[in-house]
């Protein structure tokens, strides 16, 4: 009986740590880069994690595939410019 209580307390503490980590953790964000590598033909895999065409082409070099613009890419917002006060 004593061993069971010890196991339950350990599980309760572990669950508490997991719950705290889930609450504190940062949310996941989708990759937002302008170039995608398409591997294989048809229903192959893709990776839209390239800042420029050269990075994408280097990735597919020797393994095949092609590079294409990321149709879901959204450039970062430009900083707001303050107008001069007259």
PDB file of N, CA and C in Angstrom:
ATOM      1  N   UNK A   1       0.826  -1.194   0.000  1.00  0.00           N
ATOM      2  CA  UNK A   1       0.000   0.000   0.000  1.00  0.00           C
ATOM      3  C   UNK A   1       0.866   1.252   0.000  1.00  0.00           C
ATOM      4  N   UNK A   2       1.931   1.235   0.783  1.00  0.00           N
ATOM      5  CA  UNK A   2       2.814   2.389   0.885  1.00  0.00           C
ATOM      6  C   UNK A   2       3.499   2.641  -0.458  1.00  0.00           C
ATOM      7  N   UNK A   3       3.867   1.598  -1.155  1.00  0.00           N
ATOM      8  CA  UNK A   3       4.523   1.726  -2.453  1.00  0.00           C
ATOM      9  C   UNK A   3       3.578   2.367  -3.468  1.00  0.00           C
ATOM     10  N   UNK A   4       2.307   2.030  -3.398  1.00  0.00           N
ATOM     11  CA  UNK A   4       1.307   2.605  -4.307  1.00  0.00           C
ATOM     12  C   UNK A   4       1.165   4.107  -4.109  1.00  0.00           C
ATOM     13  N   UNK A   5       1.162   4.557  -2.856  1.00  0.00           N
ATOM     14  CA  UNK A   5       1.056   5.980  -2.559  1.00  0.00           C
ATOM     15  C   UNK A   5       2.278   6.721  -3.100  1.00  0.00           C
ATOM     16  N   UNK A   6       3.426   6.121  -2.956  1.00  0.00           N
ATOM     17  CA  UNK A   6       4.658   6.737  -3.451  1.00  0.00           C
ATOM     18  C   UNK A   6       4.624   6.882  -4.976  1.00  0.00           C
ATOM     19  N   UNK A   7       4.143   5.871  -5.658  1.00  0.00           N
ATOM     20  CA  UNK A   7       4.034   5.921  -7.122  1.00  0.00           C
ATOM     21  C   UNK A   7       3.033   6.994  -7.537  1.00  0.00           C
ATOM     22  N   UNK A   8       1.904   7.069  -6.844  1.00  0.00           N
ATOM     23  CA  UNK A   8       0.883   8.067  -7.176  1.00  0.00           C
ATOM     24  C   UNK A   8       1.402   9.485  -6.959  1.00  0.00           C
ATOM     25  N   UNK A   9       2.148   9.710  -5.889  1.00  0.00           N
ATOM     26  CA  UNK A   9       2.719  11.030  -5.639  1.00  0.00           C
ATOM     27  C   UNK A   9       3.720  11.398  -6.733  1.00  0.00           C
ATOM     28  N   UNK A  10       4.543  10.442  -7.128  1.00  0.00           N
ATOM     29  CA  UNK A  10       5.515  10.691  -8.188  1.00  0.00           C
ATOM     30  C   UNK A  10       4.819  11.029  -9.498  1.00  0.00           C
ATOM     31  N   UNK A  11       3.778  10.285  -9.831  1.00  0.00           N
ATOM     32  CA  UNK A  11       3.025  10.561 -11.053  1.00  0.00           C
ATOM     33  C   UNK A  11       2.343  11.930 -10.994  1.00  0.00           C
ATOM     34  N   UNK A  12       1.832  12.293  -9.837  1.00  0.00           N
ATOM     35  CA  UNK A  12       1.182  13.586  -9.677  1.00  0.00           C
ATOM     36  C   UNK A  12       2.184  14.730  -9.874  1.00  0.00           C
ATOM     37  N   UNK A  13       3.369  14.600  -9.332  1.00  0.00           N
ATOM     38  CA  UNK A  13       4.408  15.618  -9.506  1.00  0.00           C
ATOM     39  C   UNK A  13       4.831  15.696 -10.969  1.00  0.00           C
ATOM     40  N   UNK A  14       5.008  14.544 -11.597  1.00  0.00           N
ATOM     41  CA  UNK A  14       5.398  14.532 -13.017  1.00  0.00           C
ATOM     42  C   UNK A  14       4.322  15.182 -13.877  1.00  0.00           C
ATOM     43  N   UNK A  15       3.063  14.895 -13.598  1.00  0.00           N
ATOM     44  CA  UNK A  15       1.968  15.508 -14.341  1.00  0.00           C
ATOM     45  C   UNK A  15       1.961  17.023 -14.138  1.00  0.00           C
ATOM     46  N   UNK A  16       2.255  17.458 -12.934  1.00  0.00           N
ATOM     47  CA  UNK A  16       2.321  18.893 -12.652  1.00  0.00           C
ATOM     48  C   UNK A  16       3.395  19.577 -13.473  1.00  0.00           C
ATOM     49  N   UNK A  17       4.568  18.951 -13.572  1.00  0.00           N
ATOM     50  CA  UNK A  17       5.651  19.513 -14.398  1.00  0.00           C
ATOM     51  C   UNK A  17       5.252  19.558 -15.865  1.00  0.00           C
ATOM     52  N   UNK A  18       4.619  18.522 -16.363  1.00  0.00           N
ATOM     53  CA  UNK A  18       4.188  18.501 -17.760  1.00  0.00           C
ATOM     54  C   UNK A  18       3.141  19.579 -18.031  1.00  0.00           C
ATOM     55  N   UNK A  19       2.212  19.737 -17.110  1.00  0.00           N
ATOM     56  CA  UNK A  19       1.185  20.764 -17.281  1.00  0.00           C
ATOM     57  C   UNK A  19       1.807  22.160 -17.268  1.00  0.00           C
ATOM     58  N   UNK A  20       2.755  22.398 -16.381  1.00  0.00           N
ATOM     59  CA  UNK A  20       3.424  23.698 -16.328  1.00  0.00           C
ATOM     60  C   UNK A  20       4.215  23.958 -17.608  1.00  0.00           C
ATOM     61  N   UNK A  21       4.887  22.945 -18.119  1.00  0.00           N
ATOM     62  CA  UNK A  21       5.653  23.106 -19.358  1.00  0.00           C
ATOM     63  C   UNK A  21       4.733  23.412 -20.533  1.00  0.00           C
ATOM     64  N   UNK A  22       3.568  22.815 -20.563  1.00  0.00           N
ATOM     65  CA  UNK A  22       2.623  23.061 -21.653  1.00  0.00           C
ATOM     66  C   UNK A  22       2.090  24.492 -21.605  1.00  0.00           C
ATOM     67  N   UNK A  23       1.887  25.014 -20.426  1.00  0.00           N
ATOM     68  CA  UNK A  23       1.364  26.368 -20.275  1.00  0.00           C
ATOM     69  C   UNK A  23       2.432  27.408 -20.571  1.00  0.00           C
ATOM     70  N   UNK A  24       3.662  27.153 -20.140  1.00  0.00           N
ATOM     71  CA  UNK A  24       4.754  28.114 -20.289  1.00  0.00           C
ATOM     72  C   UNK A  24       5.357  28.079 -21.689  1.00  0.00           C
ATOM     73  N   UNK A  25       5.286  26.961 -22.384  1.00  0.00           N
ATOM     74  CA  UNK A  25       5.941  26.790 -23.687  1.00  0.00           C
ATOM     75  C   UNK A  25       5.523  27.841 -24.703  1.00  0.00           C
ATOM     76  N   UNK A  26       6.403  28.092 -25.656  1.00  0.00           N
ATOM     77  CA  UNK A  26       6.094  29.066 -26.703  1.00  0.00           C
ATOM     78  C   UNK A  26       5.284  28.391 -27.803  1.00  0.00           C
ATOM     79  N   UNK A  27       4.373  29.115 -28.418  1.00  0.00           N
ATOM     80  CA  UNK A  27       3.563  28.523 -29.481  1.00  0.00           C
ATOM     81  C   UNK A  27       4.400  28.285 -30.736  1.00  0.00           C
ATOM     82  N   UNK A  28       4.058  27.258 -31.467  1.00  0.00           N
ATOM     83  CA  UNK A  28       4.757  26.953 -32.709  1.00  0.00           C
ATOM     84  C   UNK A  28       4.330  27.939 -33.787  1.00  0.00           C
ATOM     85  N   UNK A  29       5.256  28.248 -34.674  1.00  0.00           N
ATOM     86  CA  UNK A  29       4.951  29.140 -35.777  1.00  0.00           C
ATOM     87  C   UNK A  29       5.374  28.472 -37.072  1.00  0.00           C
ATOM     88  N   UNK A  30       4.604  28.719 -38.100  1.00  0.00           N
ATOM     89  CA  UNK A  30       4.934  28.163 -39.406  1.00  0.00           C
ATOM     90  C   UNK A  30       6.159  28.869 -39.973  1.00  0.00           C
ATOM     91  N   UNK A  31       6.899  28.142 -40.795  1.00  0.00           N
ATOM     92  CA  UNK A  31       8.037  28.760 -41.464  1.00  0.00           C
ATOM     93  C   UNK A  31       7.529  29.792 -42.444  1.00  0.00           C
ATOM     94  N   UNK A  32       8.185  30.909 -42.484  1.00  0.00           N
ATOM     95  CA  UNK A  32       7.782  31.975 -43.392  1.00  0.00           C
ATOM     96  C   UNK A  32       8.998  32.389 -44.220  1.00  0.00           C
ATOM     97  N   UNK A  33       9.313  31.586 -45.221  1.00  0.00           N
ATOM     98  CA  UNK A  33      10.441  31.866 -46.100  1.00  0.00           C
ATOM     99  C   UNK A  33       9.950  31.864 -47.545  1.00  0.00           C
ATOM    100  N   UNK A  34      10.631  32.625 -48.408  1.00  0.00           N
ATOM    101  CA  UNK A  34      10.120  32.809 -49.772  1.00  0.00           C
ATOM    102  C   UNK A  34      10.352  31.662 -50.749  1.00  0.00           C
ATOM    103  N   UNK A  35      11.201  30.676 -50.434  1.00  0.00           N
ATOM    104  CA  UNK A  35      11.491  29.615 -51.404  1.00  0.00           C
ATOM    105  C   UNK A  35      11.235  28.235 -50.838  1.00  0.00           C
ATOM    106  N   UNK A  36      10.677  27.357 -51.683  1.00  0.00           N
ATOM    107  CA  UNK A  36      10.386  25.969 -51.315  1.00  0.00           C
ATOM    108  C   UNK A  36      11.153  25.013 -52.222  1.00  0.00           C
ATOM    109  N   UNK A  37      11.669  23.949 -51.634  1.00  0.00           N
ATOM    110  CA  UNK A  37      12.262  22.852 -52.400  1.00  0.00           C
ATOM    111  C   UNK A  37      11.218  21.758 -52.500  1.00  0.00           C
ATOM    112  N   UNK A  38      10.966  21.299 -53.709  1.00  0.00           N
ATOM    113  CA  UNK A  38      10.040  20.191 -53.955  1.00  0.00           C
ATOM    114  C   UNK A  38      10.896  18.977 -54.314  1.00  0.00           C
ATOM    115  N   UNK A  39      10.837  17.944 -53.493  1.00  0.00           N
ATOM    116  CA  UNK A  39      11.656  16.752 -53.707  1.00  0.00           C
ATOM    117  C   UNK A  39      10.851  15.704 -54.446  1.00  0.00           C
ATOM    118  N   UNK A  40      11.463  15.022 -55.394  1.00  0.00           N
ATOM    119  CA  UNK A  40      10.800  13.958 -56.132  1.00  0.00           C
ATOM    120  C   UNK A  40       9.761  14.519 -57.082  1.00  0.00           C
ATOM    121  N   UNK A  41       9.001  13.629 -57.680  1.00  0.00           N
ATOM    122  CA  UNK A  41       7.962  14.068 -58.609  1.00  0.00           C
ATOM    123  C   UNK A  41       6.602  13.657 -58.068  1.00  0.00           C
ATOM    124  N   UNK A  42       5.592  14.360 -58.459  1.00  0.00           N
ATOM    125  CA  UNK A  42       4.242  14.020 -58.008  1.00  0.00           C
ATOM    126  C   UNK A  42       4.001  14.408 -56.571  1.00  0.00           C
ATOM    127  N   UNK A  43       3.890  13.422 -55.685  1.00  0.00           N
ATOM    128  CA  UNK A  43       3.547  13.672 -54.295  1.00  0.00           C
ATOM    129  C   UNK A  43       4.764  13.594 -53.371  1.00  0.00           C
ATOM    130  N   UNK A  44       5.891  14.134 -53.823  1.00  0.00           N
ATOM    131  CA  UNK A  44       7.101  14.132 -53.007  1.00  0.00           C
ATOM    132  C   UNK A  44       6.998  15.122 -51.858  1.00  0.00           C
ATOM    133  N   UNK A  45       8.017  15.140 -51.034  1.00  0.00           N
ATOM    134  CA  UNK A  45       8.055  16.042 -49.884  1.00  0.00           C
ATOM    135  C   UNK A  45       8.462  17.436 -50.319  1.00  0.00           C
ATOM    136  N   UNK A  46       8.232  18.399 -49.443  1.00  0.00           N
ATOM    137  CA  UNK A  46       8.647  19.769 -49.716  1.00  0.00           C
ATOM    138  C   UNK A  46       9.200  20.400 -48.451  1.00  0.00           C
ATOM    139  N   UNK A  47      10.007  21.441 -48.646  1.00  0.00           N
ATOM    140  CA  UNK A  47      10.591  22.178 -47.535  1.00  0.00           C
ATOM    141  C   UNK A  47      10.596  23.646 -47.928  1.00  0.00           C
ATOM    142  N   UNK A  48       9.815  24.441 -47.237  1.00  0.00           N
ATOM    143  CA  UNK A  48       9.726  25.880 -47.539  1.00  0.00           C
ATOM    144  C   UNK A  48      10.530  26.680 -46.519  1.00  0.00           C
ATOM    145  N   UNK A  49      11.771  26.296 -46.309  1.00  0.00           N
ATOM    146  CA  UNK A  49      12.605  26.957 -45.315  1.00  0.00           C
ATOM    147  C   UNK A  49      13.828  27.627 -45.891  1.00  0.00           C
ATOM    148  N   UNK A  50      13.703  28.240 -47.059  1.00  0.00           N
ATOM    149  CA  UNK A  50      14.872  28.840 -47.707  1.00  0.00           C
ATOM    150  C   UNK A  50      14.677  30.325 -47.916  1.00  0.00           C
ATOM    151  N   UNK A  51      15.692  31.089 -47.527  1.00  0.00           N
ATOM    152  CA  UNK A  51      15.641  32.544 -47.645  1.00  0.00           C
ATOM    153  C   UNK A  51      15.869  33.028 -49.061  1.00  0.00           C
ATOM    154  N   UNK A  52      16.626  32.244 -49.847  1.00  0.00           N
ATOM    155  CA  UNK A  52      16.901  32.670 -51.221  1.00  0.00           C
ATOM    156  C   UNK A  52      16.982  31.454 -52.137  1.00  0.00           C
ATOM    157  N   UNK A  53      16.952  31.729 -53.421  1.00  0.00           N
ATOM    158  CA  UNK A  53      16.948  30.671 -54.427  1.00  0.00           C
ATOM    159  C   UNK A  53      18.230  29.847 -54.376  1.00  0.00           C
ATOM    160  N   UNK A  54      19.359  30.481 -54.108  1.00  0.00           N
ATOM    161  CA  UNK A  54      20.638  29.763 -54.061  1.00  0.00           C
ATOM    162  C   UNK A  54      20.647  28.713 -52.949  1.00  0.00           C
ATOM    163  N   UNK A  55      20.100  29.019 -51.792  1.00  0.00           N
ATOM    164  CA  UNK A  55      20.019  28.043 -50.701  1.00  0.00           C
ATOM    165  C   UNK A  55      19.182  26.843 -51.126  1.00  0.00           C
ATOM    166  N   UNK A  56      18.064  27.118 -51.761  1.00  0.00           N
ATOM    167  CA  UNK A  56      17.168  26.053 -52.204  1.00  0.00           C
ATOM    168  C   UNK A  56      17.864  25.165 -53.229  1.00  0.00           C
ATOM    169  N   UNK A  57      18.521  25.779 -54.207  1.00  0.00           N
ATOM    170  CA  UNK A  57      19.199  25.010 -55.249  1.00  0.00           C
ATOM    171  C   UNK A  57      20.346  24.177 -54.670  1.00  0.00           C
ATOM    172  N   UNK A  58      21.044  24.702 -53.689  1.00  0.00           N
ATOM    173  CA  UNK A  58      22.112  23.939 -53.046  1.00  0.00           C
ATOM    174  C   UNK A  58      21.535  22.716 -52.330  1.00  0.00           C
ATOM    175  N   UNK A  59      20.369  22.859 -51.761  1.00  0.00           N
ATOM    176  CA  UNK A  59      19.743  21.752 -51.042  1.00  0.00           C
ATOM    177  C   UNK A  59      19.351  20.614 -51.978  1.00  0.00           C
ATOM    178  N   UNK A  60      18.793  20.922 -53.130  1.00  0.00           N
ATOM    179  CA  UNK A  60      18.337  19.866 -54.033  1.00  0.00           C
ATOM    180  C   UNK A  60      19.454  19.338 -54.929  1.00  0.00           C
ATOM    181  N   UNK A  61      20.614  20.002 -54.907  1.00  0.00           N
ATOM    182  CA  UNK A  61      21.732  19.580 -55.748  1.00  0.00           C
ATOM    183  C   UNK A  61      22.143  18.148 -55.413  1.00  0.00           C
ATOM    184  N   UNK A  62      22.119  17.291 -56.411  1.00  0.00           N
ATOM    185  CA  UNK A  62      22.540  15.906 -56.226  1.00  0.00           C
ATOM    186  C   UNK A  62      21.426  14.965 -55.791  1.00  0.00           C
ATOM    187  N   UNK A  63      20.315  15.491 -55.278  1.00  0.00           N
ATOM    188  CA  UNK A  63      19.240  14.599 -54.845  1.00  0.00           C
ATOM    189  C   UNK A  63      17.998  14.755 -55.704  1.00  0.00           C
ATOM    190  N   UNK A  64      17.969  15.773 -56.540  1.00  0.00           N
ATOM    191  CA  UNK A  64      16.835  15.970 -57.436  1.00  0.00           C
ATOM    192  C   UNK A  64      15.737  16.794 -56.817  1.00  0.00           C
ATOM    193  N   UNK A  65      14.893  17.267 -57.675  1.00  0.00           N
ATOM    194  CA  UNK A  65      13.785  18.104 -57.252  1.00  0.00           C
ATOM    195  C   UNK A  65      13.875  19.452 -57.935  1.00  0.00           C
ATOM    196  N   UNK A  66      13.074  20.383 -57.472  1.00  0.00           N
ATOM    197  CA  UNK A  66      13.108  21.719 -58.043  1.00  0.00           C
ATOM    198  C   UNK A  66      12.724  22.738 -56.980  1.00  0.00           C
ATOM    199  N   UNK A  67      13.038  23.999 -57.266  1.00  0.00           N
ATOM    200  CA  UNK A  67      12.720  25.091 -56.349  1.00  0.00           C
ATOM    201  C   UNK A  67      11.588  25.918 -56.927  1.00  0.00           C
ATOM    202  N   UNK A  68      10.717  26.388 -56.057  1.00  0.00           N
ATOM    203  CA  UNK A  68       9.586  27.205 -56.479  1.00  0.00           C
ATOM    204  C   UNK A  68       9.313  28.255 -55.409  1.00  0.00           C
ATOM    205  N   UNK A  69       8.765  29.390 -55.819  1.00  0.00           N
ATOM    206  CA  UNK A  69       8.398  30.397 -54.817  1.00  0.00           C
ATOM    207  C   UNK A  69       7.335  29.853 -53.857  1.00  0.00           C
ATOM    208  N   UNK A  70       7.426  30.242 -52.607  1.00  0.00           N
ATOM    209  CA  UNK A  70       6.451  29.860 -51.594  1.00  0.00           C
ATOM    210  C   UNK A  70       5.223  30.734 -51.772  1.00  0.00           C
ATOM    211  N   UNK A  71       4.117  30.142 -52.182  1.00  0.00           N
ATOM    212  CA  UNK A  71       2.898  30.915 -52.440  1.00  0.00           C
ATOM    213  C   UNK A  71       2.258  31.419 -51.151  1.00  0.00           C
ATOM    214  N   UNK A  72       2.671  30.885 -50.002  1.00  0.00           N
ATOM    215  CA  UNK A  72       2.116  31.320 -48.725  1.00  0.00           C
ATOM    216  C   UNK A  72       3.017  32.316 -48.000  1.00  0.00           C
ATOM    217  N   UNK A  73       4.124  32.686 -48.635  1.00  0.00           N
ATOM    218  CA  UNK A  73       5.089  33.597 -48.006  1.00  0.00           C
ATOM    219  C   UNK A  73       4.477  34.976 -47.792  1.00  0.00           C
ATOM    220  N   UNK A  74       4.668  35.487 -46.595  1.00  0.00           N
ATOM    221  CA  UNK A  74       4.243  36.849 -46.270  1.00  0.00           C
ATOM    222  C   UNK A  74       5.445  37.585 -45.710  1.00  0.00           C
ATOM    223  N   UNK A  75       5.957  38.569 -46.441  1.00  0.00           N
ATOM    224  CA  UNK A  75       7.120  39.299 -45.936  1.00  0.00           C
ATOM    225  C   UNK A  75       6.800  40.001 -44.620  1.00  0.00           C
ATOM    226  N   UNK A  76       7.822  40.208 -43.791  1.00  0.00           N
ATOM    227  CA  UNK A  76       7.576  40.896 -42.522  1.00  0.00           C
ATOM    228  C   UNK A  76       7.074  42.314 -42.767  1.00  0.00           C
ATOM    229  N   UNK A  77       6.275  42.779 -41.866  1.00  0.00           N
ATOM    230  CA  UNK A  77       5.735  44.139 -41.986  1.00  0.00           C
ATOM    231  C   UNK A  77       6.856  45.153 -41.860  1.00  0.00           C
ATOM    232  N   UNK A  78       6.793  46.158 -42.694  1.00  0.00           N
ATOM    233  CA  UNK A  78       7.787  47.227 -42.641  1.00  0.00           C
ATOM    234  C   UNK A  78       7.540  48.075 -41.397  1.00  0.00           C
ATOM    235  N   UNK A  79       8.610  48.609 -40.811  1.00  0.00           N
ATOM    236  CA  UNK A  79       8.408  49.468 -39.641  1.00  0.00           C
ATOM    237  C   UNK A  79       7.622  50.720 -40.030  1.00  0.00           C
ATOM    238  N   UNK A  80       6.789  51.163 -39.127  1.00  0.00           N
ATOM    239  CA  UNK A  80       5.996  52.359 -39.410  1.00  0.00           C
ATOM    240  C   UNK A  80       6.903  53.582 -39.404  1.00  0.00           C
ATOM    241  N   UNK A  81       6.681  54.436 -40.377  1.00  0.00           N
ATOM    242  CA  UNK A  81       7.452  55.672 -40.444  1.00  0.00           C
ATOM    243  C   UNK A  81       6.671  56.776 -39.762  1.00  0.00           C
ATOM    244  N   UNK A  82       7.381  57.516 -38.969  1.00  0.00           N
ATOM    245  CA  UNK A  82       6.733  58.653 -38.291  1.00  0.00           C
ATOM    246  C   UNK A  82       6.808  59.866 -39.215  1.00  0.00           C
ATOM    247  N   UNK A  83       5.719  60.561 -39.284  1.00  0.00           N
ATOM    248  CA  UNK A  83       5.716  61.786 -40.067  1.00  0.00           C
ATOM    249  C   UNK A  83       6.314  62.910 -39.250  1.00  0.00           C
ATOM    250  N   UNK A  84       7.038  63.775 -39.920  1.00  0.00           N
ATOM    251  CA  UNK A  84       7.642  64.916 -39.238  1.00  0.00           C
ATOM    252  C   UNK A  84       6.558  65.874 -38.767  1.00  0.00           C
ATOM    253  N   UNK A  85       6.706  66.360 -37.583  1.00  0.00           N
ATOM    254  CA  UNK A  85       5.762  67.327 -37.055  1.00  0.00           C
ATOM    255  C   UNK A  85       6.108  68.707 -37.599  1.00  0.00           C
ATOM    256  N   UNK A  86       5.115  69.464 -38.124  1.00  0.00           N
ATOM    257  CA  UNK A  86       5.409  70.808 -38.647  1.00  0.00           C
ATOM    258  C   UNK A  86       5.757  71.796 -37.570  1.00  0.00           C
TER     259      UNK A  86
END
